[in-house]
N, C-alpha and C. Protein backbone atom coordinates (compact mmCIF):
# COMPACT_ATOMS: atom_id res chain seq x y z
N MET A 1 0.86 -1.17 0.00
CA MET A 1 0.00 0.00 0.00
C MET A 1 0.90 1.22 0.00
N SER A 2 0.65 2.20 -0.83
CA SER A 2 1.47 3.41 -0.91
C SER A 2 1.19 4.33 0.27
N GLY A 3 2.10 5.29 0.51
CA GLY A 3 1.95 6.23 1.62
C GLY A 3 0.67 7.05 1.53
N VAL A 4 0.30 7.48 0.34
CA VAL A 4 -0.90 8.28 0.17
C VAL A 4 -2.14 7.45 0.47
N ALA A 5 -2.20 6.25 -0.04
CA ALA A 5 -3.36 5.39 0.19
C ALA A 5 -3.48 5.05 1.67
N ARG A 6 -2.38 4.81 2.34
CA ARG A 6 -2.39 4.48 3.77
C ARG A 6 -2.95 5.67 4.55
N ARG A 7 -2.52 6.89 4.23
CA ARG A 7 -3.04 8.07 4.92
C ARG A 7 -4.54 8.23 4.68
N THR A 8 -4.98 7.95 3.49
CA THR A 8 -6.40 8.06 3.17
C THR A 8 -7.21 7.08 4.01
N VAL A 9 -6.72 5.84 4.12
CA VAL A 9 -7.42 4.81 4.90
C VAL A 9 -7.45 5.21 6.38
N VAL A 10 -6.33 5.67 6.92
CA VAL A 10 -6.27 6.06 8.33
C VAL A 10 -7.18 7.26 8.58
N SER A 11 -7.20 8.23 7.68
CA SER A 11 -8.08 9.39 7.83
C SER A 11 -9.54 8.98 7.81
N ALA A 12 -9.91 8.11 6.90
CA ALA A 12 -11.30 7.64 6.80
C ALA A 12 -11.70 6.90 8.07
N ALA A 13 -10.82 6.06 8.59
CA ALA A 13 -11.12 5.32 9.81
C ALA A 13 -11.29 6.27 10.99
N GLY A 14 -10.44 7.29 11.06
CA GLY A 14 -10.57 8.28 12.13
C GLY A 14 -11.87 9.04 12.04
N ALA A 15 -12.27 9.42 10.84
CA ALA A 15 -13.53 10.15 10.65
C ALA A 15 -14.71 9.28 11.04
N ALA A 16 -14.66 8.00 10.70
CA ALA A 16 -15.75 7.09 11.06
C ALA A 16 -15.84 6.95 12.57
N GLY A 17 -14.69 6.85 13.24
CA GLY A 17 -14.69 6.75 14.70
C GLY A 17 -15.25 8.00 15.35
N LEU A 18 -14.90 9.17 14.83
CA LEU A 18 -15.42 10.42 15.35
C LEU A 18 -16.94 10.49 15.17
N ALA A 19 -17.42 10.09 14.02
CA ALA A 19 -18.87 10.10 13.77
C ALA A 19 -19.59 9.18 14.74
N ALA A 20 -19.02 8.01 15.02
CA ALA A 20 -19.64 7.07 15.96
C ALA A 20 -19.65 7.65 17.36
N ALA A 21 -18.57 8.31 17.76
CA ALA A 21 -18.50 8.91 19.09
C ALA A 21 -19.53 10.02 19.24
N LEU A 22 -19.67 10.86 18.22
CA LEU A 22 -20.66 11.93 18.28
C LEU A 22 -22.07 11.38 18.33
N ALA A 23 -22.34 10.35 17.60
CA ALA A 23 -23.68 9.75 17.60
C ALA A 23 -24.00 9.18 18.97
N ALA A 24 -23.02 8.60 19.64
CA ALA A 24 -23.24 8.01 20.95
C ALA A 24 -23.43 9.08 22.02
N CYS A 25 -23.05 10.30 21.75
CA CYS A 25 -23.15 11.38 22.73
C CYS A 25 -24.33 12.28 22.43
N GLY A 26 -25.43 11.73 22.02
CA GLY A 26 -26.64 12.51 21.87
C GLY A 26 -26.92 13.00 20.48
N GLY A 27 -26.46 12.33 19.47
CA GLY A 27 -26.83 12.69 18.11
C GLY A 27 -26.10 13.91 17.60
N GLY A 28 -24.88 14.14 18.07
CA GLY A 28 -24.08 15.24 17.55
C GLY A 28 -24.54 16.60 18.01
N GLY A 29 -25.17 16.66 19.19
CA GLY A 29 -25.51 17.95 19.77
C GLY A 29 -26.91 18.42 19.46
N THR A 30 -27.70 17.66 18.75
CA THR A 30 -29.07 18.10 18.47
C THR A 30 -29.92 17.82 19.70
N GLU A 31 -30.87 18.67 19.94
CA GLU A 31 -31.73 18.53 21.09
C GLU A 31 -32.96 17.70 20.73
N ASP A 32 -33.32 16.76 21.61
CA ASP A 32 -34.49 15.92 21.41
C ASP A 32 -35.70 16.61 22.02
N LYS A 33 -36.65 16.99 21.19
CA LYS A 33 -37.85 17.66 21.68
C LYS A 33 -39.07 16.78 21.45
N GLY A 34 -38.85 15.51 21.19
CA GLY A 34 -39.94 14.63 20.77
C GLY A 34 -40.62 13.86 21.86
N SER A 35 -40.59 12.55 21.76
CA SER A 35 -41.42 11.68 22.59
C SER A 35 -41.07 11.76 24.06
N THR A 36 -42.06 11.43 24.89
CA THR A 36 -41.87 11.48 26.33
C THR A 36 -41.27 10.19 26.85
N GLY A 37 -41.37 9.11 26.10
CA GLY A 37 -40.81 7.84 26.54
C GLY A 37 -41.71 7.07 27.48
N THR A 38 -42.94 7.53 27.73
CA THR A 38 -43.83 6.83 28.64
C THR A 38 -44.43 5.62 27.94
N GLU A 39 -44.56 4.55 28.70
CA GLU A 39 -45.06 3.30 28.13
C GLU A 39 -46.41 2.88 28.73
N GLU A 40 -46.84 3.50 29.81
CA GLU A 40 -48.07 3.12 30.48
C GLU A 40 -49.29 3.59 29.71
N GLN A 41 -50.41 2.94 29.96
CA GLN A 41 -51.68 3.32 29.37
C GLN A 41 -52.35 4.36 30.27
N PRO A 42 -53.18 5.24 29.71
CA PRO A 42 -53.90 6.21 30.53
C PRO A 42 -54.70 5.49 31.62
N GLY A 43 -54.70 6.08 32.81
CA GLY A 43 -55.45 5.51 33.92
C GLY A 43 -54.63 4.65 34.86
N ALA A 44 -53.47 4.16 34.45
CA ALA A 44 -52.62 3.34 35.32
C ALA A 44 -52.02 4.24 36.40
N THR A 45 -52.08 3.81 37.67
CA THR A 45 -51.53 4.59 38.77
C THR A 45 -50.02 4.62 38.69
N LEU A 46 -49.47 5.83 38.69
CA LEU A 46 -48.02 6.03 38.63
C LEU A 46 -47.43 6.23 40.01
N ALA A 47 -48.16 6.96 40.87
CA ALA A 47 -47.68 7.28 42.21
C ALA A 47 -48.86 7.74 43.04
N ARG A 48 -48.63 7.91 44.31
CA ARG A 48 -49.62 8.49 45.21
C ARG A 48 -49.17 9.90 45.55
N THR A 49 -50.12 10.78 45.80
CA THR A 49 -49.77 12.17 46.08
C THR A 49 -48.80 12.30 47.25
N GLY A 50 -48.93 11.45 48.24
CA GLY A 50 -48.04 11.49 49.40
C GLY A 50 -46.61 11.10 49.09
N ASP A 51 -46.38 10.47 47.92
CA ASP A 51 -45.03 10.08 47.50
C ASP A 51 -44.25 11.25 46.91
N ILE A 52 -44.94 12.34 46.58
CA ILE A 52 -44.32 13.47 45.89
C ILE A 52 -44.18 14.63 46.86
N PRO A 53 -42.96 14.97 47.28
CA PRO A 53 -42.79 16.05 48.26
C PRO A 53 -43.11 17.43 47.67
N VAL A 54 -43.68 18.30 48.51
CA VAL A 54 -43.95 19.67 48.09
C VAL A 54 -42.61 20.37 47.83
N GLY A 55 -42.52 21.04 46.68
CA GLY A 55 -41.29 21.72 46.29
C GLY A 55 -40.28 20.79 45.65
N GLY A 56 -40.65 19.54 45.48
CA GLY A 56 -39.75 18.55 44.90
C GLY A 56 -40.46 17.65 43.94
N GLY A 57 -40.04 16.41 43.90
CA GLY A 57 -40.65 15.46 42.99
C GLY A 57 -40.04 14.09 43.13
N LYS A 58 -40.44 13.22 42.23
CA LYS A 58 -39.98 11.84 42.24
C LYS A 58 -39.83 11.36 40.81
N VAL A 59 -38.69 10.71 40.54
CA VAL A 59 -38.46 10.11 39.23
C VAL A 59 -39.12 8.74 39.23
N ILE A 60 -39.97 8.50 38.24
CA ILE A 60 -40.63 7.21 38.06
C ILE A 60 -39.87 6.54 36.91
N ALA A 61 -38.74 5.95 37.24
CA ALA A 61 -37.80 5.46 36.23
C ALA A 61 -38.41 4.47 35.24
N GLY A 62 -39.18 3.53 35.72
CA GLY A 62 -39.77 2.52 34.85
C GLY A 62 -40.77 3.08 33.85
N GLN A 63 -41.23 4.30 34.09
CA GLN A 63 -42.22 4.92 33.22
C GLN A 63 -41.64 6.04 32.37
N GLY A 64 -40.38 6.39 32.60
CA GLY A 64 -39.78 7.47 31.85
C GLY A 64 -40.35 8.83 32.21
N LEU A 65 -40.75 8.99 33.48
CA LEU A 65 -41.39 10.22 33.94
C LEU A 65 -40.74 10.75 35.20
N VAL A 66 -40.93 12.03 35.42
CA VAL A 66 -40.65 12.65 36.70
C VAL A 66 -41.91 13.43 37.06
N ILE A 67 -42.41 13.20 38.28
CA ILE A 67 -43.61 13.88 38.75
C ILE A 67 -43.18 14.86 39.82
N THR A 68 -43.69 16.10 39.72
CA THR A 68 -43.30 17.14 40.67
C THR A 68 -44.53 17.73 41.35
N GLN A 69 -44.27 18.38 42.50
CA GLN A 69 -45.31 19.10 43.23
C GLN A 69 -44.70 20.45 43.67
N PRO A 70 -44.70 21.42 42.75
CA PRO A 70 -44.07 22.70 43.08
C PRO A 70 -44.72 23.41 44.27
N LYS A 71 -46.05 23.34 44.36
CA LYS A 71 -46.82 23.91 45.48
C LYS A 71 -47.76 22.82 45.96
N ALA A 72 -48.18 22.92 47.19
CA ALA A 72 -49.09 21.93 47.77
C ALA A 72 -50.32 21.74 46.88
N GLY A 73 -50.56 20.50 46.46
CA GLY A 73 -51.73 20.16 45.66
C GLY A 73 -51.58 20.41 44.17
N GLU A 74 -50.43 20.91 43.71
CA GLU A 74 -50.19 21.18 42.29
C GLU A 74 -49.17 20.16 41.76
N PHE A 75 -49.62 19.31 40.86
CA PHE A 75 -48.77 18.23 40.35
C PHE A 75 -48.52 18.38 38.86
N HIS A 76 -47.30 18.08 38.45
CA HIS A 76 -46.91 18.12 37.04
C HIS A 76 -46.09 16.88 36.73
N ALA A 77 -46.08 16.49 35.47
CA ALA A 77 -45.23 15.37 35.03
C ALA A 77 -44.50 15.78 33.76
N PHE A 78 -43.26 15.29 33.65
CA PHE A 78 -42.42 15.58 32.50
C PHE A 78 -41.69 14.31 32.10
N SER A 79 -41.25 14.27 30.87
CA SER A 79 -40.38 13.18 30.45
C SER A 79 -39.13 13.22 31.31
N SER A 80 -38.63 12.05 31.68
CA SER A 80 -37.39 12.01 32.47
C SER A 80 -36.16 11.94 31.58
N LYS A 81 -36.36 12.07 30.27
CA LYS A 81 -35.25 12.03 29.30
C LYS A 81 -34.72 13.44 29.09
N CYS A 82 -33.49 13.68 29.51
CA CYS A 82 -32.88 15.00 29.36
C CYS A 82 -32.83 15.38 27.89
N THR A 83 -33.15 16.64 27.61
CA THR A 83 -33.19 17.11 26.23
C THR A 83 -31.80 17.42 25.68
N HIS A 84 -30.77 17.32 26.49
CA HIS A 84 -29.42 17.57 26.00
C HIS A 84 -28.84 16.34 25.32
N ALA A 85 -28.67 15.25 26.08
CA ALA A 85 -28.03 14.06 25.50
C ALA A 85 -28.85 12.80 25.70
N GLY A 86 -30.07 12.94 26.20
CA GLY A 86 -30.95 11.78 26.32
C GLY A 86 -30.77 10.94 27.57
N CYS A 87 -29.94 11.37 28.50
CA CYS A 87 -29.77 10.64 29.76
C CYS A 87 -31.06 10.76 30.58
N ALA A 88 -31.26 9.83 31.48
CA ALA A 88 -32.41 9.89 32.38
C ALA A 88 -32.06 10.80 33.56
N VAL A 89 -32.96 11.72 33.88
CA VAL A 89 -32.74 12.55 35.06
C VAL A 89 -32.73 11.64 36.28
N SER A 90 -32.01 12.04 37.33
CA SER A 90 -31.82 11.13 38.44
C SER A 90 -32.47 11.55 39.74
N GLU A 91 -32.69 12.84 39.92
CA GLU A 91 -33.23 13.28 41.19
C GLU A 91 -33.89 14.63 41.06
N VAL A 92 -34.67 14.96 42.10
CA VAL A 92 -35.31 16.26 42.19
C VAL A 92 -34.91 16.82 43.56
N LYS A 93 -34.24 17.98 43.54
CA LYS A 93 -33.85 18.60 44.81
C LYS A 93 -33.76 20.11 44.64
N ASP A 94 -34.05 20.81 45.71
CA ASP A 94 -33.95 22.27 45.73
C ASP A 94 -34.72 22.93 44.59
N GLY A 95 -35.89 22.39 44.25
CA GLY A 95 -36.74 22.98 43.22
C GLY A 95 -36.32 22.73 41.79
N VAL A 96 -35.35 21.82 41.58
CA VAL A 96 -34.92 21.51 40.22
C VAL A 96 -34.83 20.01 40.00
N ILE A 97 -35.04 19.63 38.75
CA ILE A 97 -34.88 18.25 38.29
C ILE A 97 -33.46 18.18 37.74
N VAL A 98 -32.67 17.21 38.19
CA VAL A 98 -31.24 17.17 37.87
C VAL A 98 -30.90 15.99 36.96
N CYS A 99 -30.14 16.28 35.90
CA CYS A 99 -29.61 15.24 35.03
C CYS A 99 -28.18 14.94 35.46
N PRO A 100 -27.85 13.69 35.74
CA PRO A 100 -26.52 13.36 36.25
C PRO A 100 -25.41 13.39 35.20
N CYS A 101 -25.75 13.30 33.93
CA CYS A 101 -24.73 13.18 32.89
C CYS A 101 -23.92 14.46 32.70
N HIS A 102 -24.59 15.59 32.56
CA HIS A 102 -23.89 16.85 32.30
C HIS A 102 -24.41 17.97 33.18
N GLN A 103 -25.18 17.60 34.21
CA GLN A 103 -25.68 18.53 35.23
C GLN A 103 -26.68 19.56 34.72
N SER A 104 -27.45 19.23 33.68
CA SER A 104 -28.54 20.12 33.29
C SER A 104 -29.56 20.13 34.42
N ARG A 105 -30.23 21.26 34.60
CA ARG A 105 -31.22 21.40 35.65
C ARG A 105 -32.49 22.01 35.05
N PHE A 106 -33.64 21.48 35.51
CA PHE A 106 -34.93 21.89 34.98
C PHE A 106 -35.86 22.28 36.12
N ASP A 107 -36.69 23.30 35.91
CA ASP A 107 -37.61 23.81 36.92
C ASP A 107 -38.72 22.80 37.19
N VAL A 108 -39.04 22.58 38.49
CA VAL A 108 -40.08 21.61 38.85
C VAL A 108 -41.48 22.07 38.47
N SER A 109 -41.67 23.38 38.27
CA SER A 109 -43.03 23.86 37.98
C SER A 109 -43.40 23.76 36.51
N ASP A 110 -42.41 23.91 35.60
CA ASP A 110 -42.77 23.89 34.18
C ASP A 110 -41.78 23.14 33.28
N GLY A 111 -40.74 22.56 33.86
CA GLY A 111 -39.77 21.79 33.07
C GLY A 111 -38.78 22.65 32.32
N SER A 112 -38.84 23.98 32.50
CA SER A 112 -37.92 24.86 31.77
C SER A 112 -36.49 24.69 32.27
N VAL A 113 -35.56 25.05 31.41
CA VAL A 113 -34.13 24.90 31.72
C VAL A 113 -33.73 25.96 32.74
N LYS A 114 -33.13 25.51 33.85
CA LYS A 114 -32.60 26.41 34.87
C LYS A 114 -31.08 26.49 34.77
N GLY A 115 -30.46 25.48 34.14
CA GLY A 115 -29.01 25.45 33.95
C GLY A 115 -28.66 24.42 32.90
N GLY A 116 -27.77 24.80 31.98
CA GLY A 116 -27.42 23.93 30.85
C GLY A 116 -26.36 22.93 31.20
N PRO A 117 -26.04 22.17 30.17
CA PRO A 117 -26.00 22.50 28.77
C PRO A 117 -27.32 22.33 28.00
N ALA A 118 -28.34 21.72 28.58
CA ALA A 118 -29.62 21.60 27.86
C ALA A 118 -30.14 23.00 27.54
N THR A 119 -30.79 23.13 26.39
CA THR A 119 -31.41 24.40 26.02
C THR A 119 -32.91 24.27 25.81
N ALA A 120 -33.42 23.05 25.74
CA ALA A 120 -34.86 22.81 25.55
C ALA A 120 -35.45 22.26 26.85
N PRO A 121 -36.69 22.65 27.17
CA PRO A 121 -37.33 22.16 28.40
C PRO A 121 -37.67 20.68 28.31
N LEU A 122 -37.92 20.08 29.47
CA LEU A 122 -38.42 18.71 29.49
C LEU A 122 -39.85 18.72 28.97
N PRO A 123 -40.20 17.81 28.06
CA PRO A 123 -41.57 17.78 27.54
C PRO A 123 -42.56 17.39 28.64
N PRO A 124 -43.68 18.12 28.74
CA PRO A 124 -44.69 17.76 29.73
C PRO A 124 -45.44 16.50 29.33
N THR A 125 -45.95 15.81 30.33
CA THR A 125 -46.78 14.62 30.12
C THR A 125 -48.09 14.84 30.87
N PRO A 126 -49.24 14.69 30.23
CA PRO A 126 -50.51 14.91 30.92
C PRO A 126 -50.74 13.84 31.99
N ILE A 127 -51.13 14.30 33.17
CA ILE A 127 -51.49 13.40 34.27
C ILE A 127 -52.82 13.86 34.85
N GLN A 128 -53.40 12.99 35.66
CA GLN A 128 -54.60 13.35 36.39
C GLN A 128 -54.46 12.87 37.83
N VAL A 129 -55.02 13.63 38.73
CA VAL A 129 -54.99 13.29 40.14
C VAL A 129 -56.43 13.03 40.58
N VAL A 130 -56.68 11.82 41.02
CA VAL A 130 -58.01 11.45 41.53
C VAL A 130 -57.80 10.88 42.93
N GLY A 131 -58.34 11.59 43.91
CA GLY A 131 -58.08 11.19 45.29
C GLY A 131 -56.60 11.35 45.57
N ASP A 132 -55.96 10.26 45.99
CA ASP A 132 -54.51 10.33 46.23
C ASP A 132 -53.71 9.60 45.15
N GLU A 133 -54.36 9.24 44.04
CA GLU A 133 -53.69 8.54 42.96
C GLU A 133 -53.36 9.47 41.79
N ILE A 134 -52.11 9.34 41.31
CA ILE A 134 -51.66 10.09 40.15
C ILE A 134 -51.53 9.10 39.00
N SER A 135 -52.20 9.41 37.89
CA SER A 135 -52.14 8.51 36.72
C SER A 135 -51.98 9.34 35.45
N LEU A 136 -51.65 8.67 34.38
CA LEU A 136 -51.56 9.37 33.09
C LEU A 136 -52.94 9.88 32.71
N GLY A 137 -52.93 11.08 32.15
CA GLY A 137 -54.19 11.71 31.78
C GLY A 137 -54.52 11.47 30.41
């Protein structure tokens, strides 16, 4: 193999590796504003109101949701998939939903970005509260 051909092959292999690395890190920086990732049917109980602290929330990992209670009796649900790189948010503390991968933070009241690198809010998911049961709406 000649020197020029060898350089071409090595360059192509490097470019392919870079493309694969970028794809694995969230699609090359594009923000996901699409699906919520929820798999449950409407009406299935996700949590009880007493499970969701006022001013905080709870990640429902198996459902791809985070449920919050910004004020007493006010409940919201959002996709738990971070809009930056698609990681699952891990916790809710101090009024924000936290993504462990790159430390994006989202507001518990509306899912808006409180700190990046995410630039898009968490997509809301409709829920309903009947008695002390929270279910998909």
